Each structure stands twice: as structure tokens, then as C-alpha cells.
PDB file of N, CA and C in Angstrom:
ATOM      1  N   MET A   1     116.493 121.820 109.036  1.00  0.00           N
ATOM      2  CA  MET A   1     116.779 120.793 110.007  1.00  0.00           C
ATOM      3  C   MET A   1     116.477 119.431 109.384  1.00  0.00           C
ATOM      4  N   LEU A   2     117.209 118.444 109.806  1.00  0.00           N
ATOM      5  CA  LEU A   2     116.989 117.074 109.391  1.00  0.00           C
ATOM      6  C   LEU A   2     116.643 116.231 110.602  1.00  0.00           C
ATOM      7  N   TYR A   3     115.893 115.182 110.377  1.00  0.00           N
ATOM      8  CA  TYR A   3     115.657 114.187 111.419  1.00  0.00           C
ATOM      9  C   TYR A   3     116.523 112.986 111.098  1.00  0.00           C
ATOM     10  N   LYS A   4     117.255 112.512 112.100  1.00  0.00           N
ATOM     11  CA  LYS A   4     118.054 111.311 111.936  1.00  0.00           C
ATOM     12  C   LYS A   4     117.540 110.278 112.943  1.00  0.00           C
ATOM     13  N   PHE A   5     116.891 109.248 112.406  1.00  0.00           N
ATOM     14  CA  PHE A   5     116.398 108.157 113.228  1.00  0.00           C
ATOM     15  C   PHE A   5     117.521 107.126 113.327  1.00  0.00           C
ATOM     16  N   LYS A   6     117.860 106.724 114.562  1.00  0.00           N
ATOM     17  CA  LYS A   6     118.987 105.828 114.782  1.00  0.00           C
ATOM     18  C   LYS A   6     118.566 104.625 115.622  1.00  0.00           C
ATOM     19  N   SER A   7     119.213 103.508 115.338  1.00  0.00           N
ATOM     20  CA  SER A   7     119.073 102.322 116.187  1.00  0.00           C
ATOM     21  C   SER A   7     120.363 101.527 116.087  1.00  0.00           C
ATOM     22  N   LYS A   8     120.509 100.568 116.974  1.00  0.00           N
ATOM     23  CA  LYS A   8     121.727  99.758 116.995  1.00  0.00           C
ATOM     24  C   LYS A   8     121.683  98.624 115.980  1.00  0.00           C
ATOM     25  N   VAL A   9     120.520  98.335 115.399  1.00  0.00           N
ATOM     26  CA  VAL A   9     120.412  97.201 114.481  1.00  0.00           C
ATOM     27  C   VAL A   9     120.199  97.598 113.021  1.00  0.00           C
ATOM     28  N   THR A  10     120.046  98.892 112.750  1.00  0.00           N
ATOM     29  CA  THR A  10     119.857  99.357 111.369  1.00  0.00           C
ATOM     30  C   THR A  10     120.777 100.543 111.120  1.00  0.00           C
ATOM     31  N   GLY A  11     120.883 100.913 109.867  1.00  0.00           N
ATOM     32  CA  GLY A  11     121.576 102.142 109.532  1.00  0.00           C
ATOM     33  C   GLY A  11     120.710 103.330 109.907  1.00  0.00           C
ATOM     34  N   ASP A  12     121.304 104.497 109.939  1.00  0.00           N
ATOM     35  CA  ASP A  12     120.550 105.711 110.244  1.00  0.00           C
ATOM     36  C   ASP A  12     119.582 106.016 109.102  1.00  0.00           C
ATOM     37  N   LEU A  13     118.454 106.572 109.455  1.00  0.00           N
ATOM     38  CA  LEU A  13     117.452 106.994 108.482  1.00  0.00           C
ATOM     39  C   LEU A  13     117.313 108.509 108.618  1.00  0.00           C
ATOM     40  N   ILE A  14     117.617 109.221 107.537  1.00  0.00           N
ATOM     41  CA  ILE A  14     117.589 110.686 107.561  1.00  0.00           C
ATOM     42  C   ILE A  14     116.405 111.175 106.739  1.00  0.00           C
ATOM     43  N   MET A  15     115.635 112.098 107.331  1.00  0.00           N
ATOM     44  CA  MET A  15     114.483 112.701 106.650  1.00  0.00           C
ATOM     45  C   MET A  15     114.547 114.209 106.791  1.00  0.00           C
ATOM     46  N   LEU A  16     114.025 114.897 105.791  1.00  0.00           N
ATOM     47  CA  LEU A  16     113.865 116.341 105.897  1.00  0.00           C
ATOM     48  C   LEU A  16     112.914 116.643 107.044  1.00  0.00           C
ATOM     49  N   GLU A  17     113.000 117.843 107.569  1.00  0.00           N
ATOM     50  CA  GLU A  17     112.212 118.202 108.749  1.00  0.00           C
ATOM     51  C   GLU A  17     110.716 117.971 108.550  1.00  0.00           C
ATOM     52  N   ALA A  18     110.170 118.434 107.455  1.00  0.00           N
ATOM     53  CA  ALA A  18     108.723 118.318 107.236  1.00  0.00           C
ATOM     54  C   ALA A  18     108.293 116.858 107.199  1.00  0.00           C
ATOM     55  N   ASN A  19     109.076 116.019 106.553  1.00  0.00           N
ATOM     56  CA  ASN A  19     108.726 114.604 106.454  1.00  0.00           C
ATOM     57  C   ASN A  19     108.903 113.884 107.790  1.00  0.00           C
ATOM     58  N   GLY A  20     109.975 114.181 108.491  1.00  0.00           N
ATOM     59  CA  GLY A  20     110.197 113.584 109.809  1.00  0.00           C
ATOM     60  C   GLY A  20     109.124 113.999 110.799  1.00  0.00           C
ATOM     61  N   ARG A  21     108.761 115.273 110.761  1.00  0.00           N
ATOM     62  CA  ARG A  21     107.705 115.788 111.642  1.00  0.00           C
ATOM     63  C   ARG A  21     106.379 115.088 111.332  1.00  0.00           C
ATOM     64  N   GLN A  22     106.089 114.884 110.047  1.00  0.00           N
ATOM     65  CA  GLN A  22     104.860 114.193 109.660  1.00  0.00           C
ATOM     66  C   GLN A  22     104.846 112.771 110.207  1.00  0.00           C
ATOM     67  N   MET A  23     105.955 112.053 110.069  1.00  0.00           N
ATOM     68  CA  MET A  23     106.024 110.675 110.568  1.00  0.00           C
ATOM     69  C   MET A  23     105.853 110.628 112.076  1.00  0.00           C
ATOM     70  N   LEU A  24     106.525 111.535 112.777  1.00  0.00           N
ATOM     71  CA  LEU A  24     106.413 111.562 114.232  1.00  0.00           C
ATOM     72  C   LEU A  24     104.992 111.892 114.669  1.00  0.00           C
ATOM     73  N   THR A  25     104.361 112.823 113.986  1.00  0.00           N
ATOM     74  CA  THR A  25     102.987 113.184 114.317  1.00  0.00           C
ATOM     75  C   THR A  25     102.049 112.002 114.106  1.00  0.00           C
ATOM     76  N   LEU A  26     102.226 111.309 112.987  1.00  0.00           N
ATOM     77  CA  LEU A  26     101.380 110.148 112.710  1.00  0.00           C
ATOM     78  C   LEU A  26     101.575 109.049 113.748  1.00  0.00           C
ATOM     79  N   MET A  27     102.793 108.920 114.271  1.00  0.00           N
ATOM     80  CA  MET A  27     103.083 107.886 115.264  1.00  0.00           C
ATOM     81  C   MET A  27     102.699 108.304 116.677  1.00  0.00           C
ATOM     82  N   GLY A  28     102.176 109.524 116.830  1.00  0.00           N
ATOM     83  CA  GLY A  28     101.790 109.997 118.154  1.00  0.00           C
ATOM     84  C   GLY A  28     102.928 110.625 118.929  1.00  0.00           C
ATOM     85  N   LYS A  29     103.989 111.005 118.243  1.00  0.00           N
ATOM     86  CA  LYS A  29     105.145 111.628 118.888  1.00  0.00           C
ATOM     87  C   LYS A  29     105.316 113.062 118.398  1.00  0.00           C
ATOM     88  N   GLY A  30     104.225 113.698 118.020  1.00  0.00           N
ATOM     89  CA  GLY A  30     104.282 115.018 117.416  1.00  0.00           C
ATOM     90  C   GLY A  30     104.225 116.185 118.377  1.00  0.00           C
ATOM     91  N   ASP A  31     104.195 115.929 119.679  1.00  0.00           N
ATOM     92  CA  ASP A  31     104.183 117.055 120.613  1.00  0.00           C
ATOM     93  C   ASP A  31     105.582 117.664 120.697  1.00  0.00           C
ATOM     94  N   ALA A  32     105.665 118.865 121.221  1.00  0.00           N
ATOM     95  CA  ALA A  32     106.920 119.612 121.234  1.00  0.00           C
ATOM     96  C   ALA A  32     108.042 118.855 121.940  1.00  0.00           C
ATOM     97  N   ALA A  33     107.714 118.122 122.974  1.00  0.00           N
ATOM     98  CA  ALA A  33     108.734 117.396 123.726  1.00  0.00           C
ATOM     99  C   ALA A  33     109.380 116.298 122.890  1.00  0.00           C
ATOM    100  N   HIS A  34     108.619 115.673 121.998  1.00  0.00           N
ATOM    101  CA  HIS A  34     109.147 114.563 121.201  1.00  0.00           C
ATOM    102  C   HIS A  34     109.706 114.996 119.850  1.00  0.00           C
ATOM    103  N   LEU A  35     109.381 116.188 119.394  1.00  0.00           N
ATOM    104  CA  LEU A  35     109.856 116.600 118.080  1.00  0.00           C
ATOM    105  C   LEU A  35     111.356 116.866 118.066  1.00  0.00           C
ATOM    106  N   ALA A  36     111.883 117.444 119.113  1.00  0.00           N
ATOM    107  CA  ALA A  36     113.308 117.749 119.153  1.00  0.00           C
ATOM    108  C   ALA A  36     114.144 116.493 119.345  1.00  0.00           C
ATOM    109  N   LYS A  37     113.748 115.665 120.276  1.00  0.00           N
ATOM    110  CA  LYS A  37     114.431 114.400 120.493  1.00  0.00           C
ATOM    111  C   LYS A  37     113.474 113.441 121.172  1.00  0.00           C
ATOM    112  N   GLY A  38     113.686 112.170 120.929  1.00  0.00           N
ATOM    113  CA  GLY A  38     112.787 111.199 121.525  1.00  0.00           C
ATOM    114  C   GLY A  38     113.234 109.779 121.279  1.00  0.00           C
ATOM    115  N   ILE A  39     112.374 108.877 121.723  1.00  0.00           N
ATOM    116  CA  ILE A  39     112.655 107.458 121.617  1.00  0.00           C
ATOM    117  C   ILE A  39     111.362 106.713 121.308  1.00  0.00           C
ATOM    118  N   LEU A  40     111.468 105.731 120.454  1.00  0.00           N
ATOM    119  CA  LEU A  40     110.349 104.837 120.167  1.00  0.00           C
ATOM    120  C   LEU A  40     110.742 103.484 120.723  1.00  0.00           C
ATOM    121  N   GLU A  41     110.119 103.126 121.820  1.00  0.00           N
ATOM    122  CA  GLU A  41     110.418 101.861 122.491  1.00  0.00           C
ATOM    123  C   GLU A  41     109.788 100.699 121.728  1.00  0.00           C
ATOM    124  N   PRO A  42     110.382  99.513 121.813  1.00  0.00           N
ATOM    125  CA  PRO A  42     109.811  98.344 121.138  1.00  0.00           C
ATOM    126  C   PRO A  42     108.345  98.085 121.505  1.00  0.00           C
ATOM    127  N   ALA A  43     107.957  98.377 122.722  1.00  0.00           N
ATOM    128  CA  ALA A  43     106.566  98.173 123.139  1.00  0.00           C
ATOM    129  C   ALA A  43     105.604  99.106 122.412  1.00  0.00           C
ATOM    130  N   ASP A  44     106.104 100.256 121.965  1.00  0.00           N
ATOM    131  CA  ASP A  44     105.273 101.232 121.266  1.00  0.00           C
ATOM    132  C   ASP A  44     105.264 101.037 119.754  1.00  0.00           C
ATOM    133  N   MET A  45     106.101 100.155 119.261  1.00  0.00           N
ATOM    134  CA  MET A  45     106.254  99.993 117.813  1.00  0.00           C
ATOM    135  C   MET A  45     105.026  99.420 117.109  1.00  0.00           C
ATOM    136  N   PRO A  46     104.284  98.470 117.695  1.00  0.00           N
ATOM    137  CA  PRO A  46     103.082  97.994 116.999  1.00  0.00           C
ATOM    138  C   PRO A  46     102.059  99.112 116.762  1.00  0.00           C
ATOM    139  N   ALA A  47     101.860  99.967 117.749  1.00  0.00           N
ATOM    140  CA  ALA A  47     100.914 101.077 117.600  1.00  0.00           C
ATOM    141  C   ALA A  47     101.422 102.085 116.573  1.00  0.00           C
ATOM    142  N   ALA A  48     102.725 102.359 116.581  1.00  0.00           N
ATOM    143  CA  ALA A  48     103.301 103.289 115.607  1.00  0.00           C
ATOM    144  C   ALA A  48     103.161 102.740 114.192  1.00  0.00           C
ATOM    145  N   THR A  49     103.426 101.452 114.040  1.00  0.00           N
ATOM    146  CA  THR A  49     103.289 100.813 112.729  1.00  0.00           C
ATOM    147  C   THR A  49     101.844 100.887 112.249  1.00  0.00           C
ATOM    148  N   ALA A  50     100.912 100.553 113.125  1.00  0.00           N
ATOM    149  CA  ALA A  50      99.491 100.580 112.759  1.00  0.00           C
ATOM    150  C   ALA A  50      99.060 101.981 112.343  1.00  0.00           C
ATOM    151  N   ALA A  51      99.524 102.997 113.061  1.00  0.00           N
ATOM    152  CA  ALA A  51      99.160 104.382 112.738  1.00  0.00           C
ATOM    153  C   ALA A  51      99.715 104.788 111.372  1.00  0.00           C
ATOM    154  N   LEU A  52     100.969 104.422 111.095  1.00  0.00           N
ATOM    155  CA  LEU A  52     101.560 104.764 109.800  1.00  0.00           C
ATOM    156  C   LEU A  52     100.852 104.026 108.664  1.00  0.00           C
ATOM    157  N   VAL A  53     100.570 102.747 108.855  1.00  0.00           N
ATOM    158  CA  VAL A  53      99.895 101.958 107.822  1.00  0.00           C
ATOM    159  C   VAL A  53      98.500 102.517 107.551  1.00  0.00           C
ATOM    160  N   GLN A  54      97.783 102.898 108.603  1.00  0.00           N
ATOM    161  CA  GLN A  54      96.447 103.465 108.426  1.00  0.00           C
ATOM    162  C   GLN A  54      96.522 104.782 107.638  1.00  0.00           C
ATOM    163  N   ALA A  55      97.489 105.626 107.949  1.00  0.00           N
ATOM    164  CA  ALA A  55      97.646 106.895 107.229  1.00  0.00           C
ATOM    165  C   ALA A  55      97.992 106.649 105.759  1.00  0.00           C
ATOM    166  N   VAL A  56      98.829 105.663 105.504  1.00  0.00           N
ATOM    167  CA  VAL A  56      99.189 105.316 104.128  1.00  0.00           C
ATOM    168  C   VAL A  56      97.949 104.846 103.364  1.00  0.00           C
ATOM    169  N   GLN A  57      97.155 104.003 103.995  1.00  0.00           N
ATOM    170  CA  GLN A  57      95.941 103.504 103.343  1.00  0.00           C
ATOM    171  C   GLN A  57      94.955 104.630 103.061  1.00  0.00           C
ATOM    172  N   GLN A  58      94.829 105.574 103.981  1.00  0.00           N
ATOM    173  CA  GLN A  58      93.937 106.711 103.770  1.00  0.00           C
ATOM    174  C   GLN A  58      94.424 107.575 102.603  1.00  0.00           C
ATOM    175  N   GLU A  59      95.728 107.816 102.536  1.00  0.00           N
ATOM    176  CA  GLU A  59      96.249 108.606 101.424  1.00  0.00           C
ATOM    177  C   GLU A  59      96.085 107.870 100.103  1.00  0.00           C
ATOM    178  N   ASP A  60      96.322 106.560 100.106  1.00  0.00           N
ATOM    179  CA  ASP A  60      96.132 105.776  98.881  1.00  0.00           C
ATOM    180  C   ASP A  60      94.692 105.883  98.386  1.00  0.00           C
ATOM    181  N   ALA A  61      93.738 105.798  99.299  1.00  0.00           N
ATOM    182  CA  ALA A  61      92.325 105.907  98.929  1.00  0.00           C
ATOM    183  C   ALA A  61      92.020 107.297  98.374  1.00  0.00           C
ATOM    184  N   ALA A  62      92.573 108.325  98.999  1.00  0.00           N
ATOM    185  CA  ALA A  62      92.355 109.696  98.524  1.00  0.00           C
ATOM    186  C   ALA A  62      92.969 109.897  97.142  1.00  0.00           C
ATOM    187  N   ARG A  63      94.139 109.335  96.908  1.00  0.00           N
ATOM    188  CA  ARG A  63      94.778 109.440  95.591  1.00  0.00           C
ATOM    189  C   ARG A  63      93.948 108.716  94.529  1.00  0.00           C
ATOM    190  N   ALA A  64      93.437 107.536  94.881  1.00  0.00           N
ATOM    191  CA  ALA A  64      92.618 106.778  93.930  1.00  0.00           C
ATOM    192  C   ALA A  64      91.341 107.548  93.590  1.00  0.00           C
ATOM    193  N   ALA A  65      90.732 108.159  94.609  1.00  0.00           N
ATOM    194  CA  ALA A  65      89.516 108.939  94.379  1.00  0.00           C
ATOM    195  C   ALA A  65      89.813 110.150  93.495  1.00  0.00           C
ATOM    196  N   ALA A  66      90.942 110.806  93.737  1.00  0.00           N
ATOM    197  CA  ALA A  66      91.321 111.966  92.923  1.00  0.00           C
ATOM    198  C   ALA A  66      91.580 111.541  91.478  1.00  0.00           C
ATOM    199  N   GLN A  67      92.187 110.389  91.303  1.00  0.00           N
ATOM    200  CA  GLN A  67      92.445 109.879  89.947  1.00  0.00           C
ATOM    201  C   GLN A  67      91.132 109.586  89.236  1.00  0.00           C
ATOM    202  N   THR A  68      90.180 108.997  89.941  1.00  0.00           N
ATOM    203  CA  THR A  68      88.870 108.696  89.360  1.00  0.00           C
ATOM    204  C   THR A  68      88.155 109.975  88.944  1.00  0.00           C
ATOM    205  N   VAL A  69      88.163 110.967  89.807  1.00  0.00           N
ATOM    206  CA  VAL A  69      87.520 112.248  89.498  1.00  0.00           C
ATOM    207  C   VAL A  69      88.195 112.900  88.292  1.00  0.00           C
ATOM    208  N   ALA A  70      89.514 112.848  88.244  1.00  0.00           N
ATOM    209  CA  ALA A  70      90.238 113.448  87.128  1.00  0.00           C
ATOM    210  C   ALA A  70      89.883 112.764  85.812  1.00  0.00           C
ATOM    211  N   GLN A  71      89.765 111.442  85.846  1.00  0.00           N
ATOM    212  CA  GLN A  71      89.405 110.709  84.642  1.00  0.00           C
ATOM    213  C   GLN A  71      87.977 111.023  84.207  1.00  0.00           C
ATOM    214  N   GLN A  72      87.075 111.147  85.162  1.00  0.00           N
ATOM    215  CA  GLN A  72      85.679 111.471  84.846  1.00  0.00           C
ATOM    216  C   GLN A  72      85.557 112.870  84.271  1.00  0.00           C
ATOM    217  N   ASP A  73      86.432 113.769  84.711  1.00  0.00           N
ATOM    218  CA  ASP A  73      86.413 115.137  84.208  1.00  0.00           C
ATOM    219  C   ASP A  73      87.160 115.277  82.890  1.00  0.00           C
ATOM    220  N   GLY A  74      87.715 114.172  82.400  1.00  0.00           N
ATOM    221  CA  GLY A  74      88.412 114.209  81.130  1.00  0.00           C
ATOM    222  C   GLY A  74      89.844 114.690  81.223  1.00  0.00           C
ATOM    223  N   ASP A  75      90.371 114.763  82.419  1.00  0.00           N
ATOM    224  CA  ASP A  75      91.756 115.189  82.619  1.00  0.00           C
ATOM    225  C   ASP A  75      92.658 113.978  82.403  1.00  0.00           C
ATOM    226  N   LYS A  76      93.279 113.912  81.246  1.00  0.00           N
ATOM    227  CA  LYS A  76      94.103 112.740  80.932  1.00  0.00           C
ATOM    228  C   LYS A  76      95.386 112.712  81.738  1.00  0.00           C
ATOM    229  N   ALA A  77      95.859 113.872  82.162  1.00  0.00           N
ATOM    230  CA  ALA A  77      97.099 113.916  82.939  1.00  0.00           C
ATOM    231  C   ALA A  77      96.882 113.418  84.357  1.00  0.00           C
ATOM    232  N   GLY A  78      95.694 113.620  84.890  1.00  0.00           N
ATOM    233  CA  GLY A  78      95.400 113.194  86.256  1.00  0.00           C
ATOM    234  C   GLY A  78      96.059 114.098  87.272  1.00  0.00           C
ATOM    235  N   PRO A  79      96.013 113.688  88.527  1.00  0.00           N
ATOM    236  CA  PRO A  79      96.616 114.496  89.581  1.00  0.00           C
ATOM    237  C   PRO A  79      98.136 114.584  89.406  1.00  0.00           C
ATOM    238  N   VAL A  80      98.717 115.607  89.978  1.00  0.00           N
ATOM    239  CA  VAL A  80     100.160 115.793  89.903  1.00  0.00           C
ATOM    240  C   VAL A  80     100.841 114.647  90.644  1.00  0.00           C
ATOM    241  N   ASN A  81     101.846 114.071  89.999  1.00  0.00           N
ATOM    242  CA  ASN A  81     102.590 112.981  90.635  1.00  0.00           C
ATOM    243  C   ASN A  81     103.569 113.555  91.639  1.00  0.00           C
ATOM    244  N   THR A  82     103.393 113.179  92.883  1.00  0.00           N
ATOM    245  CA  THR A  82     104.286 113.589  93.947  1.00  0.00           C
ATOM    246  C   THR A  82     104.708 112.349  94.715  1.00  0.00           C
ATOM    247  N   VAL A  83     105.672 112.495  95.583  1.00  0.00           N
ATOM    248  CA  VAL A  83     106.104 111.377  96.412  1.00  0.00           C
ATOM    249  C   VAL A  83     104.993 111.087  97.412  1.00  0.00           C
ATOM    250  N   SER A  84     104.545 109.864  97.424  1.00  0.00           N
ATOM    251  CA  SER A  84     103.424 109.497  98.289  1.00  0.00           C
ATOM    252  C   SER A  84     103.888 109.216  99.718  1.00  0.00           C
ATOM    253  N   LEU A  85     102.947 109.223 100.606  1.00  0.00           N
ATOM    254  CA  LEU A  85     103.232 108.865 101.990  1.00  0.00           C
ATOM    255  C   LEU A  85     103.735 107.424 102.054  1.00  0.00           C
ATOM    256  N   ARG A  86     103.197 106.565 101.218  1.00  0.00           N
ATOM    257  CA  ARG A  86     103.654 105.164 101.165  1.00  0.00           C
ATOM    258  C   ARG A  86     105.165 105.114 100.907  1.00  0.00           C
ATOM    259  N   GLN A  87     105.625 105.918  99.955  1.00  0.00           N
ATOM    260  CA  GLN A  87     107.045 105.929  99.617  1.00  0.00           C
ATOM    261  C   GLN A  87     107.888 106.532 100.738  1.00  0.00           C
ATOM    262  N   ARG A  88     107.371 107.567 101.371  1.00  0.00           N
ATOM    263  CA  ARG A  88     108.127 108.212 102.442  1.00  0.00           C
ATOM    264  C   ARG A  88     108.173 107.355 103.707  1.00  0.00           C
ATOM    265  N   ALA A  89     107.091 106.642 103.990  1.00  0.00           N
ATOM    266  CA  ALA A  89     107.008 105.860 105.221  1.00  0.00           C
ATOM    267  C   ALA A  89     107.691 104.502 105.118  1.00  0.00           C
ATOM    268  N   ALA A  90     107.885 103.994 103.904  1.00  0.00           N
ATOM    269  CA  ALA A  90     108.430 102.641 103.727  1.00  0.00           C
ATOM    270  C   ALA A  90     109.757 102.410 104.455  1.00  0.00           C
ATOM    271  N   PRO A  91     110.744 103.312 104.351  1.00  0.00           N
ATOM    272  CA  PRO A  91     112.000 103.056 105.070  1.00  0.00           C
ATOM    273  C   PRO A  91     111.821 103.056 106.590  1.00  0.00           C
ATOM    274  N   LEU A  92     110.968 103.943 107.087  1.00  0.00           N
ATOM    275  CA  LEU A  92     110.733 103.992 108.525  1.00  0.00           C
ATOM    276  C   LEU A  92     109.983 102.752 108.997  1.00  0.00           C
ATOM    277  N   LEU A  93     109.005 102.304 108.228  1.00  0.00           N
ATOM    278  CA  LEU A  93     108.283 101.080 108.584  1.00  0.00           C
ATOM    279  C   LEU A  93     109.224  99.875 108.606  1.00  0.00           C
ATOM    280  N   ALA A  94     110.132  99.810 107.643  1.00  0.00           N
ATOM    281  CA  ALA A  94     111.109  98.718 107.612  1.00  0.00           C
ATOM    282  C   ALA A  94     112.026  98.786 108.833  1.00  0.00           C
ATOM    283  N   MET A  95     112.438 100.000 109.190  1.00  0.00           N
ATOM    284  CA  MET A  95     113.287 100.181 110.362  1.00  0.00           C
ATOM    285  C   MET A  95     112.558  99.755 111.634  1.00  0.00           C
ATOM    286  N   ILE A  96     111.316 100.172 111.765  1.00  0.00           N
ATOM    287  CA  ILE A  96     110.522  99.805 112.944  1.00  0.00           C
ATOM    288  C   ILE A  96     110.370  98.290 113.027  1.00  0.00           C
ATOM    289  N   GLN A  97     110.072  97.660 111.900  1.00  0.00           N
ATOM    290  CA  GLN A  97     109.880  96.213 111.889  1.00  0.00           C
ATOM    291  C   GLN A  97     111.153  95.484 112.328  1.00  0.00           C
ATOM    292  N   ARG A  98     112.279  95.907 111.815  1.00  0.00           N
ATOM    293  CA  ARG A  98     113.531  95.252 112.189  1.00  0.00           C
ATOM    294  C   ARG A  98     113.881  95.506 113.652  1.00  0.00           C
ATOM    295  N   CYS A  99     113.683  96.727 114.109  1.00  0.00           N
ATOM    296  CA  CYS A  99     113.984  97.052 115.511  1.00  0.00           C
ATOM    297  C   CYS A  99     113.045  96.316 116.461  1.00  0.00           C
ATOM    298  N   GLN A 100     111.791  96.181 116.070  1.00  0.00           N
ATOM    299  CA  GLN A 100     110.842  95.452 116.904  1.00  0.00           C
ATOM    300  C   GLN A 100     111.262  93.986 117.012  1.00  0.00           C
ATOM    301  N   ALA A 101     111.700  93.398 115.908  1.00  0.00           N
ATOM    302  CA  ALA A 101     112.141  92.003 115.919  1.00  0.00           C
ATOM    303  C   ALA A 101     113.371  91.813 116.803  1.00  0.00           C
ATOM    304  N   GLU A 102     114.216  92.832 116.861  1.00  0.00           N
ATOM    305  CA  GLU A 102     115.445  92.766 117.667  1.00  0.00           C
ATOM    306  C   GLU A 102     115.264  93.373 119.054  1.00  0.00           C
ATOM    307  N   ASN A 103     114.042  93.842 119.359  1.00  0.00           N
ATOM    308  CA  ASN A 103     113.734  94.458 120.655  1.00  0.00           C
ATOM    309  C   ASN A 103     114.689  95.623 120.961  1.00  0.00           C
ATOM    310  N   THR A 104     114.857  96.490 119.963  1.00  0.00           N
ATOM    311  CA  THR A 104     115.779  97.615 120.058  1.00  0.00           C
ATOM    312  C   THR A 104     115.024  98.916 119.809  1.00  0.00           C
ATOM    313  N   PRO A 105     115.236  99.942 120.642  1.00  0.00           N
ATOM    314  CA  PRO A 105     114.536 101.216 120.431  1.00  0.00           C
ATOM    315  C   PRO A 105     115.113 102.002 119.252  1.00  0.00           C
ATOM    316  N   ILE A 106     114.320 102.956 118.796  1.00  0.00           N
ATOM    317  CA  ILE A 106     114.743 103.925 117.783  1.00  0.00           C
ATOM    318  C   ILE A 106     114.778 105.290 118.462  1.00  0.00           C
ATOM    319  N   VAL A 107     115.849 106.026 118.248  1.00  0.00           N
ATOM    320  CA  VAL A 107     115.973 107.356 118.843  1.00  0.00           C
ATOM    321  C   VAL A 107     116.173 108.399 117.750  1.00  0.00           C
ATOM    322  N   TRP A 108     115.896 109.641 118.076  1.00  0.00           N
ATOM    323  CA  TRP A 108     116.156 110.764 117.173  1.00  0.00           C
ATOM    324  C   TRP A 108     116.498 111.975 118.009  1.00  0.00           C
ATOM    325  N   GLY A 109     117.283 112.863 117.422  1.00  0.00           N
ATOM    326  CA  GLY A 109     117.647 114.115 118.080  1.00  0.00           C
ATOM    327  C   GLY A 109     118.670 113.972 119.183  1.00  0.00           C
ATOM    328  N   VAL A 110     119.341 112.841 119.261  1.00  0.00           N
ATOM    329  CA  VAL A 110     120.368 112.641 120.293  1.00  0.00           C
ATOM    330  C   VAL A 110     121.717 112.395 119.662  1.00  0.00           C
TER     331      VAL A 110
END
């Protein structure tokens, strides 16, 4: 399954199910009723943005700590490079910011 986030002021944003589910959960829309389809109203966008930014900062700190531990242990390769939450959340954060400025909701599953 794919998640397609849509609004009238941006292009569609498509995410794989696991990534879309993660974003929705972080934004507080992870219950069963909101996972299939839902709406992010402009009034809810500041809280959603704050939640995503906080999660990104926490992951960044965890990655930095893992890198430090790897270096101390003499592991020159360090942790496995994977797509970070920062990279995955960036398009959605940009979409939220633009929709909030235009006072336009974001919908998915419709």
C-alpha cells in the first residue's frame, strides 16, 4: 500500500506504507481511523510540525551518539548509512508549511 498525501496548493506526496504510517503516527494520526484516510486541518499543522521536528531531532541525536560510540570502539565504518527520518520527513514538512501558509488542509486515503 502507498500513502498519497494531497492538497490543493501542492503536488501529491507519495510514501510507502511503513513511512507514511510512521509520519502519521508521529503527527498523532496513527490510530486505525486515521491510517486508512484522514485530514490534517491547518489548525492542527503547527502541532504536527512540532511533533515531526522533535522526532527528527531525537533521531539525529541518536545517530550522533551511535557514531561517537562506533568511533570510540574503533569502528571506522560507523553505523550503517540508511535514509534518516530527517530525509523522509522533509517533503512532508515542506508540504505542511506551504498548506499552513495557504490555509489549506492535507488529505490522504480519499
